[in-house]
Amino acid sequence: MKTNIITTKTTICTLLLLLLFSTSLNFSSATATVTCNTITTEAAPCLGFITGKVPSPPAVCCSGLKQIVKSGTTVTDHRAICQCMKNAIKEFPGVKEEFLSQLPKACHVSISFPISSHTNCNT
């Protein structure tokens, strides 16, 4: 029981730190309309899946991912989304690449780039 409370507190603290971190990293240039803060907020419910703690992403995770994809209408938006996701991935402890790559398919979402910490966002 104590371990679950500690894990929950650690996860909450990590999410709060990530939110603060991503707020300071706004990759929206003059033409980009997507912010890292928005992406972090929409993607946060996916944490259980991308760390392998739950077998499938919850509906709120998938709806957030769909909203992120929908908000990216230009190449600049897609690059900003990609870079924000890469930065967020680095901040979440325990994220597993194999679950990241499965996320779009698990949510039935088509995204223009692979979700990975190794993705080149400029291509």
PDB file of N, CA and C in Angstrom:
ATOM      1  N   MET A   1       0.821  -1.193   0.000  1.00  0.00           N
ATOM      2  CA  MET A   1       0.000   0.000   0.000  1.00  0.00           C
ATOM      3  C   MET A   1       0.866   1.258   0.000  1.00  0.00           C
ATOM      4  N   LYS A   2       1.918   1.277   0.860  1.00  0.00           N
ATOM      5  CA  LYS A   2       2.805   2.436   0.905  1.00  0.00           C
ATOM      6  C   LYS A   2       3.507   2.648  -0.425  1.00  0.00           C
ATOM      7  N   THR A   3       3.886   1.544  -1.091  1.00  0.00           N
ATOM      8  CA  THR A   3       4.552   1.651  -2.383  1.00  0.00           C
ATOM      9  C   THR A   3       3.646   2.301  -3.411  1.00  0.00           C
ATOM     10  N   ASN A   4       2.361   1.953  -3.431  1.00  0.00           N
ATOM     11  CA  ASN A   4       1.419   2.560  -4.367  1.00  0.00           C
ATOM     12  C   ASN A   4       1.263   4.053  -4.108  1.00  0.00           C
ATOM     13  N   ILE A   5       1.219   4.450  -2.859  1.00  0.00           N
ATOM     14  CA  ILE A   5       1.099   5.871  -2.515  1.00  0.00           C
ATOM     15  C   ILE A   5       2.340   6.611  -2.950  1.00  0.00           C
ATOM     16  N   ILE A   6       3.511   6.030  -2.702  1.00  0.00           N
ATOM     17  CA  ILE A   6       4.764   6.669  -3.100  1.00  0.00           C
ATOM     18  C   ILE A   6       4.846   6.761  -4.620  1.00  0.00           C
ATOM     19  N   THR A   7       4.467   5.701  -5.324  1.00  0.00           N
ATOM     20  CA  THR A   7       4.479   5.708  -6.782  1.00  0.00           C
ATOM     21  C   THR A   7       3.523   6.760  -7.318  1.00  0.00           C
ATOM     22  N   THR A   8       2.339   6.855  -6.748  1.00  0.00           N
ATOM     23  CA  THR A   8       1.369   7.856  -7.171  1.00  0.00           C
ATOM     24  C   THR A   8       1.899   9.264  -6.928  1.00  0.00           C
ATOM     25  N   LYS A   9       2.470   9.509  -5.767  1.00  0.00           N
ATOM     26  CA  LYS A   9       3.029  10.830  -5.470  1.00  0.00           C
ATOM     27  C   LYS A   9       4.173  11.153  -6.415  1.00  0.00           C
ATOM     28  N   THR A  10       5.015  10.173  -6.703  1.00  0.00           N
ATOM     29  CA  THR A  10       6.127  10.390  -7.623  1.00  0.00           C
ATOM     30  C   THR A  10       5.614  10.727  -9.012  1.00  0.00           C
ATOM     31  N   THR A  11       4.597  10.016  -9.462  1.00  0.00           N
ATOM     32  CA  THR A  11       4.020  10.276 -10.778  1.00  0.00           C
ATOM     33  C   THR A  11       3.415  11.665 -10.833  1.00  0.00           C
ATOM     34  N   ILE A  12       2.696  12.054  -9.813  1.00  0.00           N
ATOM     35  CA  ILE A  12       2.079  13.386  -9.774  1.00  0.00           C
ATOM     36  C   ILE A  12       3.157  14.464  -9.781  1.00  0.00           C
ATOM     37  N   CYS A  13       4.194  14.285  -8.974  1.00  0.00           N
ATOM     38  CA  CYS A  13       5.295  15.259  -8.947  1.00  0.00           C
ATOM     39  C   CYS A  13       5.979  15.353 -10.295  1.00  0.00           C
ATOM     40  N   THR A  14       6.183  14.216 -10.945  1.00  0.00           N
ATOM     41  CA  THR A  14       6.811  14.199 -12.261  1.00  0.00           C
ATOM     42  C   THR A  14       5.954  14.942 -13.277  1.00  0.00           C
ATOM     43  N   LEU A  15       4.656  14.698 -13.258  1.00  0.00           N
ATOM     44  CA  LEU A  15       3.754  15.389 -14.181  1.00  0.00           C
ATOM     45  C   LEU A  15       3.755  16.896 -13.943  1.00  0.00           C
ATOM     46  N   LEU A  16       3.765  17.298 -12.676  1.00  0.00           N
ATOM     47  CA  LEU A  16       3.797  18.729 -12.371  1.00  0.00           C
ATOM     48  C   LEU A  16       5.102  19.365 -12.838  1.00  0.00           C
ATOM     49  N   LEU A  17       6.217  18.678 -12.607  1.00  0.00           N
ATOM     50  CA  LEU A  17       7.506  19.194 -13.076  1.00  0.00           C
ATOM     51  C   LEU A  17       7.541  19.278 -14.590  1.00  0.00           C
ATOM     52  N   LEU A  18       7.010  18.253 -15.252  1.00  0.00           N
ATOM     53  CA  LEU A  18       6.968  18.265 -16.701  1.00  0.00           C
ATOM     54  C   LEU A  18       6.110  19.416 -17.206  1.00  0.00           C
ATOM     55  N   LEU A  19       4.998  19.646 -16.561  1.00  0.00           N
ATOM     56  CA  LEU A  19       4.126  20.739 -16.951  1.00  0.00           C
ATOM     57  C   LEU A  19       4.846  22.078 -16.819  1.00  0.00           C
ATOM     58  N   LEU A  20       5.548  22.264 -15.706  1.00  0.00           N
ATOM     59  CA  LEU A  20       6.315  23.497 -15.531  1.00  0.00           C
ATOM     60  C   LEU A  20       7.421  23.607 -16.572  1.00  0.00           C
ATOM     61  N   PHE A  21       8.118  22.510 -16.820  1.00  0.00           N
ATOM     62  CA  PHE A  21       9.198  22.488 -17.790  1.00  0.00           C
ATOM     63  C   PHE A  21       8.681  22.802 -19.179  1.00  0.00           C
ATOM     64  N   SER A  22       7.603  22.157 -19.574  1.00  0.00           N
ATOM     65  CA  SER A  22       7.095  22.331 -20.928  1.00  0.00           C
ATOM     66  C   SER A  22       6.481  23.714 -21.128  1.00  0.00           C
ATOM     67  N   THR A  23       5.998  24.320 -20.075  1.00  0.00           N
ATOM     68  CA  THR A  23       5.453  25.664 -20.185  1.00  0.00           C
ATOM     69  C   THR A  23       6.549  26.640 -20.598  1.00  0.00           C
ATOM     70  N   SER A  24       7.756  26.393 -20.118  1.00  0.00           N
ATOM     71  CA  SER A  24       8.859  27.278 -20.475  1.00  0.00           C
ATOM     72  C   SER A  24       9.413  26.967 -21.853  1.00  0.00           C
ATOM     73  N   LEU A  25       9.060  25.816 -22.426  1.00  0.00           N
ATOM     74  CA  LEU A  25       9.526  25.435 -23.755  1.00  0.00           C
ATOM     75  C   LEU A  25       8.389  25.534 -24.748  1.00  0.00           C
ATOM     76  N   ASN A  26       8.083  26.695 -25.187  1.00  0.00           N
ATOM     77  CA  ASN A  26       7.025  26.875 -26.166  1.00  0.00           C
ATOM     78  C   ASN A  26       7.665  26.941 -27.540  1.00  0.00           C
ATOM     79  N   PHE A  27       7.482  25.885 -28.319  1.00  0.00           N
ATOM     80  CA  PHE A  27       8.094  25.807 -29.622  1.00  0.00           C
ATOM     81  C   PHE A  27       7.202  26.403 -30.697  1.00  0.00           C
ATOM     82  N   SER A  28       6.268  27.212 -30.331  1.00  0.00           N
ATOM     83  CA  SER A  28       5.406  27.800 -31.340  1.00  0.00           C
ATOM     84  C   SER A  28       6.086  29.039 -31.901  1.00  0.00           C
ATOM     85  N   SER A  29       6.454  28.971 -33.158  1.00  0.00           N
ATOM     86  CA  SER A  29       7.058  30.108 -33.819  1.00  0.00           C
ATOM     87  C   SER A  29       5.934  31.005 -34.301  1.00  0.00           C
ATOM     88  N   ALA A  30       6.258  31.926 -35.171  1.00  0.00           N
ATOM     89  CA  ALA A  30       5.253  32.875 -35.640  1.00  0.00           C
ATOM     90  C   ALA A  30       4.096  32.174 -36.343  1.00  0.00           C
ATOM     91  N   THR A  31       4.339  30.996 -36.930  1.00  0.00           N
ATOM     92  CA  THR A  31       3.270  30.342 -37.668  1.00  0.00           C
ATOM     93  C   THR A  31       2.746  29.079 -36.995  1.00  0.00           C
ATOM     94  N   ALA A  32       3.414  28.596 -35.968  1.00  0.00           N
ATOM     95  CA  ALA A  32       2.932  27.385 -35.291  1.00  0.00           C
ATOM     96  C   ALA A  32       1.814  27.755 -34.328  1.00  0.00           C
ATOM     97  N   THR A  33       0.814  26.878 -34.236  1.00  0.00           N
ATOM     98  CA  THR A  33      -0.323  27.164 -33.369  1.00  0.00           C
ATOM     99  C   THR A  33      -0.416  26.212 -32.184  1.00  0.00           C
ATOM    100  N   VAL A  34       0.524  25.292 -32.067  1.00  0.00           N
ATOM    101  CA  VAL A  34       0.485  24.273 -31.033  1.00  0.00           C
ATOM    102  C   VAL A  34       1.572  24.561 -29.998  1.00  0.00           C
ATOM    103  N   THR A  35       1.209  24.486 -28.716  1.00  0.00           N
ATOM    104  CA  THR A  35       2.200  24.730 -27.666  1.00  0.00           C
ATOM    105  C   THR A  35       2.538  23.433 -26.942  1.00  0.00           C
ATOM    106  N   CYS A  36       3.721  23.422 -26.356  1.00  0.00           N
ATOM    107  CA  CYS A  36       4.130  22.248 -25.578  1.00  0.00           C
ATOM    108  C   CYS A  36       3.213  22.040 -24.379  1.00  0.00           C
ATOM    109  N   ASN A  37       2.729  23.101 -23.797  1.00  0.00           N
ATOM    110  CA  ASN A  37       1.824  22.994 -22.659  1.00  0.00           C
ATOM    111  C   ASN A  37       0.561  22.225 -23.051  1.00  0.00           C
ATOM    112  N   THR A  38       0.010  22.542 -24.206  1.00  0.00           N
ATOM    113  CA  THR A  38      -1.181  21.846 -24.698  1.00  0.00           C
ATOM    114  C   THR A  38      -0.884  20.369 -24.927  1.00  0.00           C
ATOM    115  N   ILE A  39       0.246  20.097 -25.545  1.00  0.00           N
ATOM    116  CA  ILE A  39       0.615  18.716 -25.838  1.00  0.00           C
ATOM    117  C   ILE A  39       0.810  17.928 -24.550  1.00  0.00           C
ATOM    118  N   THR A  40       1.484  18.512 -23.588  1.00  0.00           N
ATOM    119  CA  THR A  40       1.715  17.834 -22.308  1.00  0.00           C
ATOM    120  C   THR A  40       0.395  17.530 -21.611  1.00  0.00           C
ATOM    121  N   THR A  41      -0.509  18.484 -21.611  1.00  0.00           N
ATOM    122  CA  THR A  41      -1.808  18.303 -20.973  1.00  0.00           C
ATOM    123  C   THR A  41      -2.600  17.191 -21.651  1.00  0.00           C
ATOM    124  N   GLU A  42      -2.608  17.190 -22.984  1.00  0.00           N
ATOM    125  CA  GLU A  42      -3.374  16.194 -23.733  1.00  0.00           C
ATOM    126  C   GLU A  42      -2.746  14.797 -23.641  1.00  0.00           C
ATOM    127  N   ALA A  43      -1.410  14.747 -23.549  1.00  0.00           N
ATOM    128  CA  ALA A  43      -0.717  13.448 -23.550  1.00  0.00           C
ATOM    129  C   ALA A  43      -0.542  12.847 -22.152  1.00  0.00           C
ATOM    130  N   ALA A  44      -0.693  13.633 -21.105  1.00  0.00           N
ATOM    131  CA  ALA A  44      -0.470  13.140 -19.737  1.00  0.00           C
ATOM    132  C   ALA A  44      -1.259  11.879 -19.392  1.00  0.00           C
ATOM    133  N   PRO A  45      -2.511  11.742 -19.824  1.00  0.00           N
ATOM    134  CA  PRO A  45      -3.250  10.519 -19.488  1.00  0.00           C
ATOM    135  C   PRO A  45      -2.676   9.246 -20.124  1.00  0.00           C
ATOM    136  N   CYS A  46      -1.724   9.393 -21.035  1.00  0.00           N
ATOM    137  CA  CYS A  46      -1.118   8.234 -21.705  1.00  0.00           C
ATOM    138  C   CYS A  46       0.028   7.636 -20.901  1.00  0.00           C
ATOM    139  N   LEU A  47       0.407   8.269 -19.818  1.00  0.00           N
ATOM    140  CA  LEU A  47       1.579   7.851 -19.050  1.00  0.00           C
ATOM    141  C   LEU A  47       1.525   6.386 -18.636  1.00  0.00           C
ATOM    142  N   GLY A  48       0.382   5.914 -18.177  1.00  0.00           N
ATOM    143  CA  GLY A  48       0.265   4.517 -17.759  1.00  0.00           C
ATOM    144  C   GLY A  48       0.575   3.553 -18.885  1.00  0.00           C
ATOM    145  N   PHE A  49       0.122   3.874 -20.085  1.00  0.00           N
ATOM    146  CA  PHE A  49       0.360   3.001 -21.232  1.00  0.00           C
ATOM    147  C   PHE A  49       1.810   3.071 -21.702  1.00  0.00           C
ATOM    148  N   ILE A  50       2.355   4.271 -21.847  1.00  0.00           N
ATOM    149  CA  ILE A  50       3.706   4.397 -22.401  1.00  0.00           C
ATOM    150  C   ILE A  50       4.796   3.955 -21.421  1.00  0.00           C
ATOM    151  N   THR A  51       4.430   3.739 -20.165  1.00  0.00           N
ATOM    152  CA  THR A  51       5.378   3.166 -19.207  1.00  0.00           C
ATOM    153  C   THR A  51       5.149   1.667 -19.028  1.00  0.00           C
ATOM    154  N   GLY A  52       4.131   1.139 -19.696  1.00  0.00           N
ATOM    155  CA  GLY A  52       3.854  -0.291 -19.636  1.00  0.00           C
ATOM    156  C   GLY A  52       3.081  -0.725 -18.403  1.00  0.00           C
ATOM    157  N   LYS A  53       2.502   0.215 -17.686  1.00  0.00           N
ATOM    158  CA  LYS A  53       1.770  -0.126 -16.462  1.00  0.00           C
ATOM    159  C   LYS A  53       0.332  -0.554 -16.718  1.00  0.00           C
ATOM    160  N   VAL A  54      -0.225  -0.145 -17.854  1.00  0.00           N
ATOM    161  CA  VAL A  54      -1.569  -0.580 -18.230  1.00  0.00           C
ATOM    162  C   VAL A  54      -1.497  -1.166 -19.640  1.00  0.00           C
ATOM    163  N   PRO A  55      -2.311  -2.178 -19.931  1.00  0.00           N
ATOM    164  CA  PRO A  55      -2.191  -2.891 -21.209  1.00  0.00           C
ATOM    165  C   PRO A  55      -2.687  -2.129 -22.435  1.00  0.00           C
ATOM    166  N   SER A  56      -3.534  -1.146 -22.224  1.00  0.00           N
ATOM    167  CA  SER A  56      -4.029  -0.358 -23.354  1.00  0.00           C
ATOM    168  C   SER A  56      -4.233   1.079 -22.906  1.00  0.00           C
ATOM    169  N   PRO A  57      -4.117   2.015 -23.841  1.00  0.00           N
ATOM    170  CA  PRO A  57      -4.295   3.420 -23.458  1.00  0.00           C
ATOM    171  C   PRO A  57      -5.753   3.704 -23.102  1.00  0.00           C
ATOM    172  N   PRO A  58      -5.979   4.503 -22.064  1.00  0.00           N
ATOM    173  CA  PRO A  58      -7.362   4.859 -21.716  1.00  0.00           C
ATOM    174  C   PRO A  58      -7.961   5.772 -22.784  1.00  0.00           C
ATOM    175  N   ALA A  59      -9.264   5.825 -22.820  1.00  0.00           N
ATOM    176  CA  ALA A  59      -9.975   6.639 -23.812  1.00  0.00           C
ATOM    177  C   ALA A  59      -9.538   8.099 -23.770  1.00  0.00           C
ATOM    178  N   VAL A  60      -9.307   8.634 -22.578  1.00  0.00           N
ATOM    179  CA  VAL A  60      -8.911  10.037 -22.458  1.00  0.00           C
ATOM    180  C   VAL A  60      -7.532  10.266 -23.088  1.00  0.00           C
ATOM    181  N   CYS A  61      -6.670   9.276 -23.030  1.00  0.00           N
ATOM    182  CA  CYS A  61      -5.364   9.353 -23.692  1.00  0.00           C
ATOM    183  C   CYS A  61      -5.559   9.452 -25.197  1.00  0.00           C
ATOM    184  N   CYS A  62      -6.368   8.559 -25.745  1.00  0.00           N
ATOM    185  CA  CYS A  62      -6.593   8.533 -27.189  1.00  0.00           C
ATOM    186  C   CYS A  62      -7.293   9.796 -27.685  1.00  0.00           C
ATOM    187  N   SER A  63      -8.237  10.293 -26.919  1.00  0.00           N
ATOM    188  CA  SER A  63      -8.905  11.532 -27.343  1.00  0.00           C
ATOM    189  C   SER A  63      -7.916  12.701 -27.303  1.00  0.00           C
ATOM    190  N   GLY A  64      -7.014  12.699 -26.344  1.00  0.00           N
ATOM    191  CA  GLY A  64      -5.981  13.734 -26.293  1.00  0.00           C
ATOM    192  C   GLY A  64      -5.044  13.649 -27.477  1.00  0.00           C
ATOM    193  N   LEU A  65      -4.631  12.425 -27.828  1.00  0.00           N
ATOM    194  CA  LEU A  65      -3.753  12.239 -28.980  1.00  0.00           C
ATOM    195  C   LEU A  65      -4.457  12.689 -30.265  1.00  0.00           C
ATOM    196  N   LYS A  66      -5.728  12.370 -30.390  1.00  0.00           N
ATOM    197  CA  LYS A  66      -6.499  12.797 -31.565  1.00  0.00           C
ATOM    198  C   LYS A  66      -6.575  14.323 -31.629  1.00  0.00           C
ATOM    199  N   GLN A  67      -6.733  14.956 -30.475  1.00  0.00           N
ATOM    200  CA  GLN A  67      -6.791  16.411 -30.431  1.00  0.00           C
ATOM    201  C   GLN A  67      -5.452  17.028 -30.839  1.00  0.00           C
ATOM    202  N   ILE A  68      -4.353  16.425 -30.393  1.00  0.00           N
ATOM    203  CA  ILE A  68      -3.018  16.902 -30.770  1.00  0.00           C
ATOM    204  C   ILE A  68      -2.844  16.810 -32.282  1.00  0.00           C
ATOM    205  N   VAL A  69      -3.179  15.661 -32.846  1.00  0.00           N
ATOM    206  CA  VAL A  69      -3.035  15.463 -34.288  1.00  0.00           C
ATOM    207  C   VAL A  69      -3.909  16.451 -35.054  1.00  0.00           C
ATOM    208  N   LYS A  70      -5.119  16.643 -34.584  1.00  0.00           N
ATOM    209  CA  LYS A  70      -6.062  17.560 -35.236  1.00  0.00           C
ATOM    210  C   LYS A  70      -5.561  19.003 -35.205  1.00  0.00           C
ATOM    211  N   SER A  71      -4.862  19.381 -34.139  1.00  0.00           N
ATOM    212  CA  SER A  71      -4.398  20.763 -34.001  1.00  0.00           C
ATOM    213  C   SER A  71      -3.202  21.078 -34.896  1.00  0.00           C
ATOM    214  N   GLY A  72      -2.506  20.050 -35.368  1.00  0.00           N
ATOM    215  CA  GLY A  72      -1.365  20.278 -36.246  1.00  0.00           C
ATOM    216  C   GLY A  72      -1.789  20.336 -37.692  1.00  0.00           C
ATOM    217  N   THR A  73      -1.889  21.542 -38.236  1.00  0.00           N
ATOM    218  CA  THR A  73      -2.388  21.687 -39.601  1.00  0.00           C
ATOM    219  C   THR A  73      -1.295  22.040 -40.603  1.00  0.00           C
ATOM    220  N   THR A  74      -0.139  22.475 -40.117  1.00  0.00           N
ATOM    221  CA  THR A  74       0.948  22.864 -41.015  1.00  0.00           C
ATOM    222  C   THR A  74       2.199  22.037 -40.708  1.00  0.00           C
ATOM    223  N   VAL A  75       3.163  22.105 -41.602  1.00  0.00           N
ATOM    224  CA  VAL A  75       4.437  21.425 -41.373  1.00  0.00           C
ATOM    225  C   VAL A  75       5.096  21.989 -40.111  1.00  0.00           C
ATOM    226  N   THR A  76       4.994  23.278 -39.915  1.00  0.00           N
ATOM    227  CA  THR A  76       5.556  23.917 -38.718  1.00  0.00           C
ATOM    228  C   THR A  76       4.887  23.376 -37.462  1.00  0.00           C
ATOM    229  N   ASP A  77       3.568  23.210 -37.506  1.00  0.00           N
ATOM    230  CA  ASP A  77       2.845  22.621 -36.374  1.00  0.00           C
ATOM    231  C   ASP A  77       3.330  21.206 -36.093  1.00  0.00           C
ATOM    232  N   HIS A  78       3.467  20.410 -37.149  1.00  0.00           N
ATOM    233  CA  HIS A  78       3.895  19.014 -36.979  1.00  0.00           C
ATOM    234  C   HIS A  78       5.292  18.947 -36.378  1.00  0.00           C
ATOM    235  N   ARG A  79       6.175  19.829 -36.820  1.00  0.00           N
ATOM    236  CA  ARG A  79       7.530  19.862 -36.247  1.00  0.00           C
ATOM    237  C   ARG A  79       7.494  20.283 -34.789  1.00  0.00           C
ATOM    238  N   ALA A  80       6.656  21.258 -34.467  1.00  0.00           N
ATOM    239  CA  ALA A  80       6.535  21.718 -33.079  1.00  0.00           C
ATOM    240  C   ALA A  80       5.974  20.613 -32.195  1.00  0.00           C
ATOM    241  N   ILE A  81       4.957  19.913 -32.680  1.00  0.00           N
ATOM    242  CA  ILE A  81       4.371  18.799 -31.932  1.00  0.00           C
ATOM    243  C   ILE A  81       5.426  17.720 -31.705  1.00  0.00           C
ATOM    244  N   CYS A  82       6.139  17.376 -32.753  1.00  0.00           N
ATOM    245  CA  CYS A  82       7.182  16.351 -32.665  1.00  0.00           C
ATOM    246  C   CYS A  82       8.230  16.741 -31.623  1.00  0.00           C
ATOM    247  N   GLN A  83       8.711  17.970 -31.681  1.00  0.00           N
ATOM    248  CA  GLN A  83       9.748  18.409 -30.743  1.00  0.00           C
ATOM    249  C   GLN A  83       9.228  18.444 -29.304  1.00  0.00           C
ATOM    250  N   CYS A  84       8.023  18.898 -29.123  1.00  0.00           N
ATOM    251  CA  CYS A  84       7.438  18.910 -27.777  1.00  0.00           C
ATOM    252  C   CYS A  84       7.292  17.499 -27.226  1.00  0.00           C
ATOM    253  N   MET A  85       6.854  16.577 -28.081  1.00  0.00           N
ATOM    254  CA  MET A  85       6.714  15.183 -27.636  1.00  0.00           C
ATOM    255  C   MET A  85       8.069  14.594 -27.266  1.00  0.00           C
ATOM    256  N   LYS A  86       9.084  14.880 -28.079  1.00  0.00           N
ATOM    257  CA  LYS A  86      10.424  14.369 -27.771  1.00  0.00           C
ATOM    258  C   LYS A  86      10.915  14.897 -26.430  1.00  0.00           C
ATOM    259  N   ASN A  87      10.696  16.176 -26.186  1.00  0.00           N
ATOM    260  CA  ASN A  87      11.129  16.766 -24.912  1.00  0.00           C
ATOM    261  C   ASN A  87      10.346  16.191 -23.740  1.00  0.00           C
ATOM    262  N   ALA A  88       9.057  15.974 -23.932  1.00  0.00           N
ATOM    263  CA  ALA A  88       8.226  15.408 -22.864  1.00  0.00           C
ATOM    264  C   ALA A  88       8.661  13.982 -22.545  1.00  0.00           C
ATOM    265  N   ILE A  89       8.984  13.216 -23.582  1.00  0.00           N
ATOM    266  CA  ILE A  89       9.416  11.825 -23.387  1.00  0.00           C
ATOM    267  C   ILE A  89      10.635  11.773 -22.472  1.00  0.00           C
ATOM    268  N   LYS A  90      11.555  12.681 -22.673  1.00  0.00           N
ATOM    269  CA  LYS A  90      12.781  12.711 -21.868  1.00  0.00           C
ATOM    270  C   LYS A  90      12.492  12.995 -20.398  1.00  0.00           C
ATOM    271  N   GLU A  91      11.408  13.686 -20.129  1.00  0.00           N
ATOM    272  CA  GLU A  91      11.082  14.094 -18.763  1.00  0.00           C
ATOM    273  C   GLU A  91      10.273  13.061 -17.986  1.00  0.00           C
ATOM    274  N   PHE A  92       9.632  12.142 -18.688  1.00  0.00           N
ATOM    275  CA  PHE A  92       8.845  11.106 -18.011  1.00  0.00           C
ATOM    276  C   PHE A  92       9.741   9.924 -17.680  1.00  0.00           C
ATOM    277  N   PRO A  93       9.943   9.619 -16.409  1.00  0.00           N
ATOM    278  CA  PRO A  93      10.752   8.444 -16.076  1.00  0.00           C
ATOM    279  C   PRO A  93       9.996   7.165 -16.401  1.00  0.00           C
ATOM    280  N   GLY A  94      10.703   6.196 -16.924  1.00  0.00           N
ATOM    281  CA  GLY A  94      10.102   4.894 -17.176  1.00  0.00           C
ATOM    282  C   GLY A  94       9.383   4.741 -18.493  1.00  0.00           C
ATOM    283  N   VAL A  95       9.433   5.749 -19.364  1.00  0.00           N
ATOM    284  CA  VAL A  95       8.785   5.638 -20.670  1.00  0.00           C
ATOM    285  C   VAL A  95       9.545   4.610 -21.499  1.00  0.00           C
ATOM    286  N   LYS A  96       8.808   3.729 -22.143  1.00  0.00           N
ATOM    287  CA  LYS A  96       9.408   2.665 -22.944  1.00  0.00           C
ATOM    288  C   LYS A  96       9.110   2.902 -24.428  1.00  0.00           C
ATOM    289  N   GLU A  97      10.165   2.900 -25.228  1.00  0.00           N
ATOM    290  CA  GLU A  97      10.037   3.168 -26.664  1.00  0.00           C
ATOM    291  C   GLU A  97       9.022   2.260 -27.345  1.00  0.00           C
ATOM    292  N   GLU A  98       8.999   0.978 -26.946  1.00  0.00           N
ATOM    293  CA  GLU A  98       8.081   0.052 -27.621  1.00  0.00           C
ATOM    294  C   GLU A  98       6.620   0.434 -27.417  1.00  0.00           C
ATOM    295  N   PHE A  99       6.296   1.018 -26.269  1.00  0.00           N
ATOM    296  CA  PHE A  99       4.914   1.447 -26.035  1.00  0.00           C
ATOM    297  C   PHE A  99       4.629   2.782 -26.725  1.00  0.00           C
ATOM    298  N   LEU A 100       5.636   3.642 -26.803  1.00  0.00           N
ATOM    299  CA  LEU A 100       5.468   4.894 -27.541  1.00  0.00           C
ATOM    300  C   LEU A 100       5.102   4.613 -28.990  1.00  0.00           C
ATOM    301  N   SER A 101       5.842   3.703 -29.597  1.00  0.00           N
ATOM    302  CA  SER A 101       5.606   3.409 -31.015  1.00  0.00           C
ATOM    303  C   SER A 101       4.246   2.761 -31.242  1.00  0.00           C
ATOM    304  N   GLN A 102       3.701   2.101 -30.248  1.00  0.00           N
ATOM    305  CA  GLN A 102       2.399   1.443 -30.372  1.00  0.00           C
ATOM    306  C   GLN A 102       1.225   2.395 -30.130  1.00  0.00           C
ATOM    307  N   LEU A 103       1.492   3.526 -29.528  1.00  0.00           N
ATOM    308  CA  LEU A 103       0.410   4.429 -29.111  1.00  0.00           C
ATOM    309  C   LEU A 103      -0.526   4.854 -30.248  1.00  0.00           C
ATOM    310  N   PRO A 104      -0.020   5.352 -31.384  1.00  0.00           N
ATOM    311  CA  PRO A 104      -0.964   5.753 -32.444  1.00  0.00           C
ATOM    312  C   PRO A 104      -1.860   4.605 -32.904  1.00  0.00           C
ATOM    313  N   LYS A 105      -1.284   3.427 -33.099  1.00  0.00           N
ATOM    314  CA  LYS A 105      -2.082   2.281 -33.547  1.00  0.00           C
ATOM    315  C   LYS A 105      -3.091   1.869 -32.480  1.00  0.00           C
ATOM    316  N   ALA A 106      -2.668   1.857 -31.228  1.00  0.00           N
ATOM    317  CA  ALA A 106      -3.560   1.480 -30.127  1.00  0.00           C
ATOM    318  C   ALA A 106      -4.728   2.455 -30.002  1.00  0.00           C
ATOM    319  N   CYS A 107      -4.495   3.710 -30.380  1.00  0.00           N
ATOM    320  CA  CYS A 107      -5.547   4.735 -30.313  1.00  0.00           C
ATOM    321  C   CYS A 107      -6.271   4.933 -31.643  1.00  0.00           C
ATOM    322  N   HIS A 108      -5.876   4.169 -32.661  1.00  0.00           N
ATOM    323  CA  HIS A 108      -6.473   4.292 -33.991  1.00  0.00           C
ATOM    324  C   HIS A 108      -6.334   5.708 -34.521  1.00  0.00           C
ATOM    325  N   VAL A 109      -5.096   6.233 -34.400  1.00  0.00           N
ATOM    326  CA  VAL A 109      -4.794   7.599 -34.832  1.00  0.00           C
ATOM    327  C   VAL A 109      -3.651   7.538 -35.832  1.00  0.00           C
ATOM    328  N   SER A 110      -3.785   8.265 -36.911  1.00  0.00           N
ATOM    329  CA  SER A 110      -2.715   8.370 -37.897  1.00  0.00           C
ATOM    330  C   SER A 110      -1.944   9.660 -37.604  1.00  0.00           C
ATOM    331  N   ILE A 111      -0.636   9.517 -37.413  1.00  0.00           N
ATOM    332  CA  ILE A 111       0.202  10.674 -37.120  1.00  0.00           C
ATOM    333  C   ILE A 111       1.338  10.694 -38.143  1.00  0.00           C
ATOM    334  N   SER A 112       1.774  11.877 -38.548  1.00  0.00           N
ATOM    335  CA  SER A 112       2.702  12.012 -39.675  1.00  0.00           C
ATOM    336  C   SER A 112       4.153  11.679 -39.346  1.00  0.00           C
ATOM    337  N   PHE A 113       4.447  11.312 -38.121  1.00  0.00           N
ATOM    338  CA  PHE A 113       5.813  10.961 -37.735  1.00  0.00           C
ATOM    339  C   PHE A 113       5.758   9.911 -36.640  1.00  0.00           C
ATOM    340  N   PRO A 114       6.815   9.099 -36.508  1.00  0.00           N
ATOM    341  CA  PRO A 114       6.818   8.115 -35.433  1.00  0.00           C
ATOM    342  C   PRO A 114       7.001   8.794 -34.070  1.00  0.00           C
ATOM    343  N   ILE A 115       6.287   8.329 -33.076  1.00  0.00           N
ATOM    344  CA  ILE A 115       6.462   8.866 -31.730  1.00  0.00           C
ATOM    345  C   ILE A 115       7.620   8.112 -31.096  1.00  0.00           C
ATOM    346  N   SER A 116       8.738   8.806 -30.944  1.00  0.00           N
ATOM    347  CA  SER A 116       9.955   8.205 -30.432  1.00  0.00           C
ATOM    348  C   SER A 116      10.888   9.309 -29.956  1.00  0.00           C
ATOM    349  N   SER A 117      11.751   8.972 -29.030  1.00  0.00           N
ATOM    350  CA  SER A 117      12.751   9.952 -28.596  1.00  0.00           C
ATOM    351  C   SER A 117      13.841  10.106 -29.651  1.00  0.00           C
ATOM    352  N   HIS A 118      13.835   9.257 -30.670  1.00  0.00           N
ATOM    353  CA  HIS A 118      14.860   9.288 -31.719  1.00  0.00           C
ATOM    354  C   HIS A 118      14.370   9.902 -33.026  1.00  0.00           C
ATOM    355  N   THR A 119      13.145  10.353 -33.074  1.00  0.00           N
ATOM    356  CA  THR A 119      12.582  10.914 -34.295  1.00  0.00           C
ATOM    357  C   THR A 119      13.287  12.217 -34.662  1.00  0.00           C
ATOM    358  N   ASN A 120      13.600  12.369 -35.949  1.00  0.00           N
ATOM    359  CA  ASN A 120      14.142  13.620 -36.453  1.00  0.00           C
ATOM    360  C   ASN A 120      12.957  14.487 -36.849  1.00  0.00           C
ATOM    361  N   CYS A 121      12.678  15.485 -36.066  1.00  0.00           N
ATOM    362  CA  CYS A 121      11.497  16.315 -36.274  1.00  0.00           C
ATOM    363  C   CYS A 121      11.611  17.246 -37.479  1.00  0.00           C
ATOM    364  N   ASN A 122      12.790  17.370 -38.038  1.00  0.00           N
ATOM    365  CA  ASN A 122      12.974  18.263 -39.187  1.00  0.00           C
ATOM    366  C   ASN A 122      12.748  17.574 -40.521  1.00  0.00           C
ATOM    367  N   THR A 123      12.470  16.272 -40.494  1.00  0.00           N
ATOM    368  CA  THR A 123      12.247  15.585 -41.775  1.00  0.00           C
ATOM    369  C   THR A 123      10.787  15.224 -41.935  1.00  0.00           C
TER     370      THR A 123
END
